[in-house]
Amino acid sequence: MKNTIKIPNKLFSLHQKKLLLAFKNYFTFMKIAIIGFGAAAIGFIEKVKSSDIEIHIYERSKDIYSSSISGIRADGKLFVSKEMGGDLDIDPDLQKKLVDFWIEKSGNGNYETGSSFANMDYYKLFYSKGFMPILSDFYHLGTDQLKQVLFNIYEEYRSLPNIHFHFESPVSQVQIEGNMVTLDYDGAFDKVYIAVGRSGHKLVKTIIGKYPQIVLDSTKVDIGIRFELPNHIVEDLNREMYEFKVKYKSKTGYMVRTFCNNPSGYVVTEHYGDFTTVNGHAKIKGKSKNTNFAILTTVQLTEPFNDPIGYGANIAELSNMLGGKRVILQTYSHFVDSKRTKNLYRVKPTLDESKYILGDINLAYPRRIIESIIDFVENLDIVVPGVAHPDNLVYAPEIKFYSNSLNNQEFKNLKFIGDCSGFTRSIIYATAHGYIMGEEILKDL
């Protein structure tokens, strides 16, 4: 239990409040650190910002515009669903509340919306062909708004006297010392919240090396491709639901799913330090003539396997090696026939030419994953004719890392929130996880 001193907002200037905060810190008030400034950190801060907790946020990026959180930086899809987004039971009302929070921070209220398989005719059609349709409501902010959204949130938080940002401050060491937790620098904290997302796997791996007992599960990774085709092939689907999400159990036994559909969108690259992958996004205003979406194969391995991120990273690095540090682009027919693509035909890539090389993805990917993706596309073509046209485009690598599922009950003063915890895989679920953990810390005050 920490003593608290309330500071009435209207009675003091910002300078006076900072002086009072310094006075407060002479006593034993709770001081916490958050590593990373993404969706989970934002959800946590939003819940506790009005408390007397002294909050320090450490972000490796040089400034707010360079924030390394891909879900916030690119596309900005927000979902309300009980069937996707993570392995936590998040109340749909809280999900919608947090969707409204993100939309409000845009400053203009502009977004696109739709529902995946609310139309039962579509649901029955896909179901009859062996697909598992996923129900969800979505809200799309668009890449072109995201920087302003994040900046608006940052500006509000940094104006509060109890919140302190530290940019260009990568954390590499976290150590539990009795009732306190220490970082590389800046002394000790009552609690530390790791919120580095999946891109912060190196820090998480270091912590697991010290405290291996926190790992609950470490066997899963999604490996696949980014598929691009002309809008007219999927225009009815795009018009009906914008984002269609399905799963399919392939003939190999692997579960395959769609992810991040972007009507009139763009293929982009993501950099993880040691390797580069592909992703997709769409804008509210600038539209292309193509639609892109991920086709991902879930690989669930068993003991002694315990490094899903390392496995996926090795495949990504091999792909980059073959591509001369670029991603690989291949036509669908060549992908099926294991032939290197040398020329494109009707479908023009939206990814900048300098970022890809025409090649053969089969040289980098395990054959069972390739066969699973082909099986998925061929069956999807039955429902949506034209998906399997030979000159549609396939990009690789596209890999979605599942962080190790980590036990937040192991330590009272060290917690993992958002995607790096292994329990969330979306902006809203990550935000909600942070928000719920914020509720828990308030109970200790």
Protein backbone atom coordinates (compact mmCIF):
# COMPACT_ATOMS: atom_id res chain seq x y z
CA MET A 1 0.00 0.00 0.00
CA LYS A 2 1.43 3.38 -1.02
CA ASN A 3 0.60 6.73 0.61
CA THR A 4 -0.97 9.22 -1.77
CA ILE A 5 -1.19 12.99 -2.00
CA LYS A 6 -3.87 14.32 -4.33
CA ILE A 7 -3.01 17.38 -6.43
CA PRO A 8 -6.13 19.35 -7.48
CA ASN A 9 -5.69 20.06 -11.19
CA LYS A 10 -7.25 23.52 -11.12
CA LEU A 11 -5.30 24.96 -8.19
CA PHE A 12 -1.77 24.71 -9.50
CA SER A 13 0.19 25.55 -12.65
CA LEU A 14 2.12 22.80 -14.45
CA HIS A 15 5.37 24.14 -12.91
CA GLN A 16 3.87 24.07 -9.42
CA LYS A 17 2.58 20.54 -9.94
CA LYS A 18 6.04 19.38 -10.96
CA LEU A 19 7.46 20.89 -7.77
CA LEU A 20 4.81 19.13 -5.74
CA LEU A 21 5.57 15.89 -7.55
CA ALA A 22 9.23 16.24 -6.62
CA PHE A 23 8.13 16.78 -3.01
CA LYS A 24 5.95 13.68 -3.16
CA ASN A 25 8.80 11.57 -4.49
CA TYR A 26 10.81 12.32 -1.36
CA PHE A 27 8.39 9.93 0.33
CA THR A 28 7.69 6.31 -0.63
CA PHE A 29 5.34 6.57 -3.60
CA MET A 30 5.03 3.92 -6.26
CA LYS A 31 7.47 4.29 -9.12
CA ILE A 32 7.07 2.08 -12.16
CA ALA A 33 8.75 1.60 -15.54
CA ILE A 34 7.11 0.64 -18.82
CA ILE A 35 9.43 -0.73 -21.50
CA GLY A 36 8.04 0.16 -24.94
CA PHE A 37 5.33 2.60 -26.01
CA GLY A 38 2.74 0.69 -28.03
CA ALA A 39 -0.87 -0.37 -27.68
CA ALA A 40 -0.40 -2.25 -24.39
CA ALA A 41 1.52 0.62 -22.79
CA ILE A 42 -1.13 3.08 -23.97
CA GLY A 43 -3.95 0.98 -22.50
CA PHE A 44 -2.10 0.76 -19.18
CA ILE A 45 -1.28 4.47 -19.02
CA GLU A 46 -4.81 5.45 -19.99
CA LYS A 47 -6.14 3.61 -16.96
CA VAL A 48 -3.60 4.87 -14.39
CA LYS A 49 -2.73 8.35 -15.71
CA SER A 50 -4.81 10.16 -13.08
CA SER A 51 -3.24 8.29 -10.16
CA ASP A 52 -0.21 9.31 -8.10
CA ILE A 53 1.98 6.65 -9.68
CA GLU A 54 5.26 7.95 -11.08
CA ILE A 55 5.53 6.43 -14.56
CA HIS A 56 8.69 6.19 -16.68
CA ILE A 57 8.36 5.01 -20.30
CA TYR A 58 11.52 3.73 -22.02
CA GLU A 59 11.33 3.60 -25.82
CA ARG A 60 14.20 2.58 -28.08
CA SER A 61 12.99 4.81 -30.95
CA LYS A 62 14.44 8.30 -31.28
CA ASP A 63 11.05 10.05 -31.04
CA ILE A 64 7.31 9.47 -31.16
CA TYR A 65 7.25 9.52 -34.97
CA SER A 66 9.75 6.66 -35.08
CA SER A 67 7.81 4.43 -32.71
CA SER A 68 8.48 0.82 -33.63
CA ILE A 69 5.04 -0.61 -33.05
CA SER A 70 3.88 -2.04 -36.39
CA GLY A 71 0.16 -2.36 -35.61
CA ILE A 72 -0.01 1.32 -34.74
CA ARG A 73 2.38 2.50 -37.41
CA ALA A 74 0.77 0.66 -40.33
CA ASP A 75 -2.91 0.34 -41.24
CA GLY A 76 -4.57 0.69 -37.83
CA LYS A 77 -7.26 -2.00 -37.94
CA LEU A 78 -9.30 -2.21 -34.77
CA PHE A 79 -11.45 -5.29 -34.16
CA VAL A 80 -14.23 -6.21 -31.77
CA SER A 81 -14.40 -9.99 -31.68
CA LYS A 82 -14.44 -12.94 -29.29
CA GLU A 83 -12.94 -15.18 -31.99
CA MET A 84 -9.66 -13.44 -32.78
CA GLY A 85 -7.07 -11.05 -31.40
CA GLY A 86 -5.63 -13.11 -28.60
CA ASP A 87 -6.11 -15.78 -25.96
CA LEU A 88 -7.61 -13.55 -23.28
CA ASP A 89 -11.30 -13.28 -22.50
CA ILE A 90 -11.90 -9.58 -23.24
CA ASP A 91 -15.43 -8.28 -22.75
CA PRO A 92 -16.78 -6.93 -26.07
CA ASP A 93 -17.99 -3.79 -24.26
CA LEU A 94 -14.41 -3.02 -23.17
CA GLN A 95 -13.18 -3.76 -26.69
CA LYS A 96 -15.66 -1.26 -28.14
CA LYS A 97 -14.77 1.31 -25.47
CA LEU A 98 -11.12 1.07 -26.51
CA VAL A 99 -12.02 1.26 -30.21
CA ASP A 100 -13.81 4.53 -29.43
CA PHE A 101 -10.71 5.73 -27.56
CA TRP A 102 -8.47 5.19 -30.60
CA ILE A 103 -10.97 6.79 -32.99
CA GLU A 104 -11.38 9.81 -30.71
CA LYS A 105 -7.60 10.35 -30.72
CA SER A 106 -7.66 10.81 -34.50
CA GLY A 107 -9.10 14.26 -33.86
CA ASN A 108 -11.48 14.02 -36.82
CA GLY A 109 -13.44 10.80 -36.29
CA ASN A 110 -12.65 9.49 -39.79
CA TYR A 111 -12.62 5.70 -40.20
CA GLU A 112 -13.92 2.87 -42.36
CA THR A 113 -16.02 0.09 -40.89
CA GLY A 114 -17.53 -3.29 -41.69
CA SER A 115 -18.42 -6.70 -40.31
CA SER A 116 -16.82 -10.03 -41.18
CA PHE A 117 -19.51 -12.57 -42.15
CA ALA A 118 -22.47 -10.75 -40.68
CA ASN A 119 -24.15 -11.75 -43.97
CA MET A 120 -25.25 -15.35 -43.40
CA ASP A 121 -25.30 -16.13 -47.14
CA TYR A 122 -21.55 -15.52 -47.26
CA TYR A 123 -21.08 -17.41 -44.02
CA LYS A 124 -22.90 -20.49 -45.36
CA LEU A 125 -21.07 -20.34 -48.70
CA PHE A 126 -17.61 -20.38 -47.12
CA TYR A 127 -18.65 -22.93 -44.51
CA SER A 128 -19.97 -25.30 -47.20
CA LYS A 129 -16.51 -25.37 -48.82
CA GLY A 130 -14.68 -26.31 -45.64
CA PHE A 131 -13.74 -22.84 -44.39
CA MET A 132 -14.27 -21.59 -40.84
CA PRO A 133 -15.58 -17.99 -41.10
CA ILE A 134 -14.50 -15.65 -38.27
CA LEU A 135 -17.05 -13.18 -36.93
CA SER A 136 -15.82 -9.70 -36.09
CA ASP A 137 -16.63 -6.00 -36.37
CA PHE A 138 -13.80 -3.83 -37.61
CA TYR A 139 -12.86 -0.15 -37.66
CA HIS A 140 -10.08 1.02 -39.98
CA LEU A 141 -8.19 4.22 -39.15
CA GLY A 142 -5.77 4.08 -42.10
CA THR A 143 -2.01 4.46 -42.21
CA ASP A 144 -2.25 8.10 -43.20
CA GLN A 145 -3.89 9.00 -39.85
CA LEU A 146 -1.82 6.89 -37.49
CA LYS A 147 1.06 9.26 -36.87
CA GLN A 148 -1.36 11.96 -35.77
CA VAL A 149 -3.26 9.51 -33.55
CA LEU A 150 -0.09 8.43 -31.79
CA PHE A 151 1.16 12.01 -31.53
CA ASN A 152 -2.13 13.16 -29.95
CA ILE A 153 -1.91 10.42 -27.34
CA TYR A 154 1.73 11.20 -26.63
CA GLU A 155 1.10 14.94 -26.27
CA GLU A 156 -1.61 14.32 -23.70
CA TYR A 157 0.48 11.91 -21.65
CA ARG A 158 3.68 13.94 -21.67
CA SER A 159 1.80 16.97 -20.34
CA LEU A 160 1.02 15.07 -17.12
CA PRO A 161 3.52 15.68 -14.30
CA ASN A 162 3.72 12.03 -13.22
CA ILE A 163 4.56 10.66 -16.70
CA HIS A 164 8.11 10.77 -18.06
CA PHE A 165 9.22 9.66 -21.52
CA HIS A 166 12.77 8.45 -22.27
CA PHE A 167 13.39 8.09 -26.02
CA GLU A 168 16.50 6.48 -27.48
CA SER A 169 16.64 4.40 -24.32
CA PRO A 170 16.74 0.71 -25.25
CA VAL A 171 16.61 -1.61 -22.26
CA SER A 172 18.70 -4.76 -22.42
CA GLN A 173 18.78 -5.90 -18.78
CA VAL A 174 15.97 -6.37 -16.26
CA GLN A 175 16.84 -7.71 -12.82
CA ILE A 176 14.60 -8.56 -9.86
CA GLU A 177 16.23 -7.53 -6.60
CA GLY A 178 14.00 -8.27 -3.66
CA ASN A 179 10.89 -6.11 -3.81
CA MET A 180 12.35 -3.90 -6.53
CA VAL A 181 13.25 -4.28 -10.21
CA THR A 182 16.31 -2.65 -11.76
CA LEU A 183 17.03 -1.76 -15.39
CA ASP A 184 20.29 -0.97 -17.19
CA TYR A 185 20.03 2.52 -15.76
CA ASP A 186 17.85 4.88 -13.74
CA GLY A 187 17.83 2.93 -10.49
CA ALA A 188 15.12 0.72 -9.08
CA PHE A 189 11.35 0.52 -9.61
CA ASP A 190 8.49 -0.87 -7.56
CA LYS A 191 7.11 -2.53 -10.68
CA VAL A 192 8.27 -2.98 -14.28
CA TYR A 193 5.91 -3.67 -17.18
CA ILE A 194 7.42 -5.16 -20.33
CA ALA A 195 5.39 -3.89 -23.31
CA VAL A 196 7.82 -4.32 -26.20
CA GLY A 197 5.52 -6.21 -28.57
CA ARG A 198 6.81 -9.05 -30.71
CA SER A 199 9.61 -6.90 -32.13
CA GLY A 200 11.15 -6.74 -28.67
CA HIS A 201 11.80 -10.48 -28.57
CA LYS A 202 15.51 -10.03 -27.79
CA LEU A 203 14.77 -8.39 -24.44
CA VAL A 204 12.10 -10.98 -23.63
CA LYS A 205 14.51 -13.78 -24.52
CA THR A 206 17.13 -12.28 -22.19
CA ILE A 207 14.61 -12.13 -19.34
CA ILE A 208 13.52 -15.73 -20.01
CA GLY A 209 17.19 -16.74 -19.85
CA LYS A 210 17.31 -15.42 -16.27
CA TYR A 211 13.85 -16.62 -15.25
CA PRO A 212 12.93 -19.65 -17.40
CA GLN A 213 10.13 -20.59 -15.03
CA ILE A 214 7.93 -17.81 -16.47
CA VAL A 215 7.42 -19.68 -19.78
CA LEU A 216 4.05 -21.41 -20.06
CA ASP A 217 4.12 -22.29 -23.78
CA SER A 218 6.66 -21.81 -26.56
CA THR A 219 5.64 -23.87 -29.55
CA LYS A 220 3.76 -21.76 -32.10
CA VAL A 221 4.60 -19.49 -35.06
CA ASP A 222 2.69 -18.35 -38.18
CA ILE A 223 4.64 -18.59 -41.44
CA GLY A 224 3.14 -17.55 -44.74
CA ILE A 225 2.99 -15.13 -47.62
CA ARG A 226 1.44 -11.80 -48.61
CA PHE A 227 -0.96 -12.33 -51.52
CA GLU A 228 -1.77 -9.49 -53.95
CA LEU A 229 -4.42 -9.47 -56.68
CA PRO A 230 -6.56 -6.96 -58.62
CA ASN A 231 -9.46 -5.36 -56.75
CA HIS A 232 -12.08 -6.58 -59.21
CA ILE A 233 -11.54 -10.24 -58.23
CA VAL A 234 -12.56 -9.62 -54.62
CA GLU A 235 -14.66 -6.48 -55.00
CA ASP A 236 -17.87 -8.16 -53.83
CA LEU A 237 -16.14 -9.44 -50.67
CA ASN A 238 -14.49 -6.08 -50.06
CA ARG A 239 -17.77 -4.24 -50.50
CA GLU A 240 -19.65 -6.62 -48.23
CA MET A 241 -17.23 -6.84 -45.31
CA TYR A 242 -13.93 -5.05 -46.17
CA GLU A 243 -11.97 -7.51 -44.01
CA PHE A 244 -12.80 -11.17 -44.55
CA LYS A 245 -11.27 -13.60 -42.08
CA VAL A 246 -11.35 -17.37 -42.53
CA LYS A 247 -9.50 -20.43 -41.32
CA TYR A 248 -9.02 -23.66 -43.22
CA LYS A 249 -7.59 -27.01 -42.18
CA SER A 250 -5.39 -27.96 -45.12
CA LYS A 251 -4.66 -31.45 -46.40
CA THR A 252 -1.29 -31.32 -44.62
CA GLY A 253 -3.02 -30.99 -41.26
CA TYR A 254 -1.85 -27.40 -40.77
CA MET A 255 -4.41 -24.69 -40.00
CA VAL A 256 -4.22 -21.84 -42.53
CA ARG A 257 -5.85 -18.43 -42.13
CA THR A 258 -6.22 -15.05 -43.77
CA PHE A 259 -4.97 -11.99 -41.98
CA CYS A 260 -4.96 -8.22 -42.56
CA ASN A 261 -6.97 -7.81 -45.77
CA ASN A 262 -6.31 -4.43 -47.41
CA PRO A 263 -8.73 -3.40 -50.17
CA SER A 264 -7.08 -0.87 -52.53
CA GLY A 265 -4.05 -1.22 -50.29
CA TYR A 266 -0.29 -1.45 -50.49
CA VAL A 267 2.33 -4.08 -49.70
CA VAL A 268 5.11 -2.77 -47.44
CA THR A 269 8.19 -4.12 -45.70
CA GLU A 270 8.88 -4.37 -41.97
CA HIS A 271 12.37 -4.36 -40.50
CA TYR A 272 13.18 -6.40 -37.41
CA GLY A 273 16.86 -5.55 -37.19
CA ASP A 274 18.29 -8.86 -38.39
CA PHE A 275 15.73 -9.46 -41.14
CA THR A 276 12.96 -7.91 -43.24
CA THR A 277 9.43 -9.22 -43.75
CA VAL A 278 6.39 -8.10 -45.74
CA ASN A 279 3.13 -6.68 -44.47
CA GLY A 280 0.21 -4.74 -45.90
CA HIS A 281 -1.73 -1.59 -45.17
CA ALA A 282 -4.36 0.71 -46.61
CA LYS A 283 -5.04 4.43 -46.44
CA ILE A 284 -8.21 6.39 -45.92
CA LYS A 285 -7.52 8.60 -48.95
CA GLY A 286 -4.78 7.20 -51.20
CA LYS A 287 -6.08 4.03 -52.88
CA SER A 288 -4.40 1.49 -55.18
CA LYS A 289 -5.93 -0.88 -57.75
CA ASN A 290 -4.96 -4.01 -55.81
CA THR A 291 -6.06 -5.87 -52.69
CA ASN A 292 -3.55 -7.68 -50.50
CA PHE A 293 -3.87 -10.04 -47.56
CA ALA A 294 -1.72 -12.50 -45.65
CA ILE A 295 -2.12 -16.26 -45.90
CA LEU A 296 -0.55 -17.75 -42.78
CA THR A 297 0.15 -21.34 -41.79
CA THR A 298 0.18 -22.01 -38.07
CA VAL A 299 3.09 -24.26 -37.15
CA GLN A 300 2.72 -25.87 -33.72
CA LEU A 301 5.79 -27.88 -32.73
CA THR A 302 6.47 -30.05 -29.70
CA GLU A 303 9.33 -30.69 -27.29
CA PRO A 304 12.24 -30.13 -27.34
CA PHE A 305 11.27 -27.11 -29.50
CA ASN A 306 11.14 -23.94 -27.41
CA ASP A 307 12.06 -21.03 -29.68
CA PRO A 308 9.21 -20.13 -32.10
CA ILE A 309 10.64 -16.67 -32.75
CA GLY A 310 14.06 -18.10 -33.53
CA TYR A 311 12.53 -20.62 -35.94
CA GLY A 312 10.57 -17.96 -37.82
CA ALA A 313 13.52 -15.57 -37.79
CA ASN A 314 15.78 -18.17 -39.38
CA ILE A 315 13.31 -18.69 -42.22
CA ALA A 316 13.05 -14.93 -42.70
CA GLU A 317 16.84 -14.56 -42.72
CA LEU A 318 17.18 -17.35 -45.30
CA SER A 319 14.58 -15.62 -47.51
CA ASN A 320 16.49 -12.34 -47.21
CA MET A 321 19.76 -14.09 -48.01
CA LEU A 322 18.28 -15.43 -51.25
CA GLY A 323 16.82 -12.01 -52.04
CA GLY A 324 20.00 -10.06 -51.43
CA LYS A 325 18.52 -8.49 -48.26
CA ARG A 326 15.24 -7.87 -50.09
CA VAL A 327 11.94 -9.74 -49.90
CA ILE A 328 11.04 -12.26 -52.63
CA LEU A 329 8.24 -11.71 -55.16
CA GLN A 330 6.85 -14.55 -57.26
CA THR A 331 3.80 -15.14 -59.45
CA TYR A 332 1.31 -17.64 -58.08
CA SER A 333 1.81 -20.14 -60.92
CA HIS A 334 5.57 -20.17 -60.37
CA PHE A 335 5.01 -20.49 -56.63
CA VAL A 336 2.96 -23.63 -57.32
CA ASP A 337 5.46 -25.05 -59.83
CA SER A 338 8.61 -24.19 -57.83
CA LYS A 339 10.01 -22.03 -60.63
CA ARG A 340 11.79 -18.73 -60.30
CA THR A 341 9.77 -15.78 -61.59
CA LYS A 342 11.66 -13.69 -64.13
CA ASN A 343 8.85 -11.50 -65.50
CA LEU A 344 5.48 -10.21 -64.29
CA TYR A 345 2.34 -10.01 -66.43
CA ARG A 346 -0.94 -8.26 -65.68
CA VAL A 347 -0.75 -7.63 -61.93
CA LYS A 348 1.55 -4.74 -61.00
CA PRO A 349 3.07 -4.86 -57.50
CA THR A 350 2.34 -2.03 -55.08
CA LEU A 351 5.60 -2.62 -53.23
CA ASP A 352 8.43 -0.37 -54.37
CA GLU A 353 10.64 -2.14 -56.92
CA SER A 354 13.80 -1.48 -54.90
CA LYS A 355 12.48 -3.58 -52.01
CA TYR A 356 11.86 -6.91 -53.75
CA ILE A 357 13.59 -9.33 -56.09
CA LEU A 358 11.87 -11.77 -58.44
CA GLY A 359 12.70 -15.26 -57.23
CA ASP A 360 11.49 -18.60 -55.86
CA ILE A 361 10.09 -18.73 -52.33
CA ASN A 362 10.27 -22.54 -52.40
CA LEU A 363 14.03 -22.33 -51.81
CA ALA A 364 13.44 -20.78 -48.37
CA TYR A 365 10.20 -22.32 -47.07
CA PRO A 366 9.56 -25.87 -45.80
CA ARG A 367 7.57 -27.81 -48.39
CA ARG A 368 4.73 -28.64 -46.01
CA ILE A 369 4.07 -24.93 -45.49
CA ILE A 370 4.11 -24.31 -49.27
CA GLU A 371 1.64 -27.17 -49.84
CA SER A 372 -0.65 -25.85 -47.11
CA ILE A 373 -0.78 -22.39 -48.70
CA ILE A 374 -1.43 -23.80 -52.18
CA ASP A 375 -4.24 -26.00 -50.86
CA PHE A 376 -5.79 -22.96 -49.20
CA VAL A 377 -5.63 -20.79 -52.34
CA GLU A 378 -7.02 -23.52 -54.62
CA ASN A 379 -10.01 -24.04 -52.34
CA LEU A 380 -10.53 -20.30 -51.89
CA ASP A 381 -10.63 -20.04 -55.68
CA ILE A 382 -13.74 -22.26 -55.68
CA VAL A 383 -15.55 -19.70 -53.53
CA VAL A 384 -13.94 -16.60 -55.06
CA PRO A 385 -13.09 -17.38 -58.71
CA GLY A 386 -9.92 -15.66 -59.89
CA VAL A 387 -7.96 -15.90 -56.65
CA ALA A 388 -5.78 -18.62 -58.19
CA HIS A 389 -5.05 -16.74 -61.45
CA PRO A 390 -1.45 -17.57 -62.45
CA ASP A 391 -0.20 -13.98 -62.47
CA ASN A 392 -1.44 -13.00 -59.03
CA LEU A 393 1.45 -12.10 -56.75
CA VAL A 394 3.06 -13.87 -53.79
CA TYR A 395 5.53 -12.09 -51.46
CA ALA A 396 7.68 -13.63 -48.73
CA PRO A 397 8.56 -13.78 -45.97
CA GLU A 398 5.45 -12.90 -44.00
CA ILE A 399 5.80 -14.20 -40.47
CA LYS A 400 3.68 -13.48 -37.41
CA PHE A 401 5.52 -14.33 -34.25
CA TYR A 402 3.74 -15.71 -31.24
CA SER A 403 5.76 -14.68 -28.26
CA ASN A 404 6.22 -17.31 -25.58
CA SER A 405 3.15 -17.41 -23.34
CA LEU A 406 4.46 -15.97 -20.09
CA ASN A 407 3.24 -16.41 -16.53
CA ASN A 408 2.35 -13.02 -15.04
CA GLN A 409 1.69 -14.65 -11.66
CA GLU A 410 5.32 -15.68 -11.15
CA PHE A 411 6.53 -12.28 -9.94
CA LYS A 412 4.58 -9.53 -8.21
CA ASN A 413 6.76 -6.72 -9.54
CA LEU A 414 7.57 -7.86 -13.13
CA LYS A 415 4.74 -8.14 -15.66
CA PHE A 416 4.42 -8.66 -19.42
CA ILE A 417 1.61 -6.91 -21.27
CA GLY A 418 0.41 -6.98 -24.86
CA ASP A 419 1.85 -9.10 -27.65
CA CYS A 420 5.14 -9.83 -25.88
CA SER A 421 3.17 -11.70 -23.19
CA GLY A 422 2.06 -14.26 -25.77
CA PHE A 423 -1.62 -13.64 -25.03
CA THR A 424 -2.54 -10.89 -27.52
CA ARG A 425 -2.18 -10.41 -31.27
CA SER A 426 -4.08 -7.23 -32.09
CA ILE A 427 -4.20 -3.54 -31.22
CA ILE A 428 -7.43 -3.82 -29.23
CA TYR A 429 -6.51 -6.96 -27.29
CA ALA A 430 -3.10 -5.49 -26.47
CA THR A 431 -4.69 -2.20 -25.38
CA ALA A 432 -7.21 -4.10 -23.28
CA HIS A 433 -4.49 -6.20 -21.66
CA GLY A 434 -2.67 -3.05 -20.60
CA TYR A 435 -5.92 -1.48 -19.41
CA ILE A 436 -6.79 -4.52 -17.28
CA MET A 437 -3.30 -4.62 -15.77
CA GLY A 438 -3.74 -0.94 -14.97
CA GLU A 439 -6.92 -1.78 -13.07
CA GLU A 440 -4.97 -4.34 -11.04
CA ILE A 441 -2.22 -1.95 -9.98
CA LEU A 442 -4.79 0.62 -8.86
CA LYS A 443 -6.09 -1.92 -6.38
CA ASP A 444 -2.68 -1.85 -4.67
CA LEU A 445 -2.81 1.89 -4.01
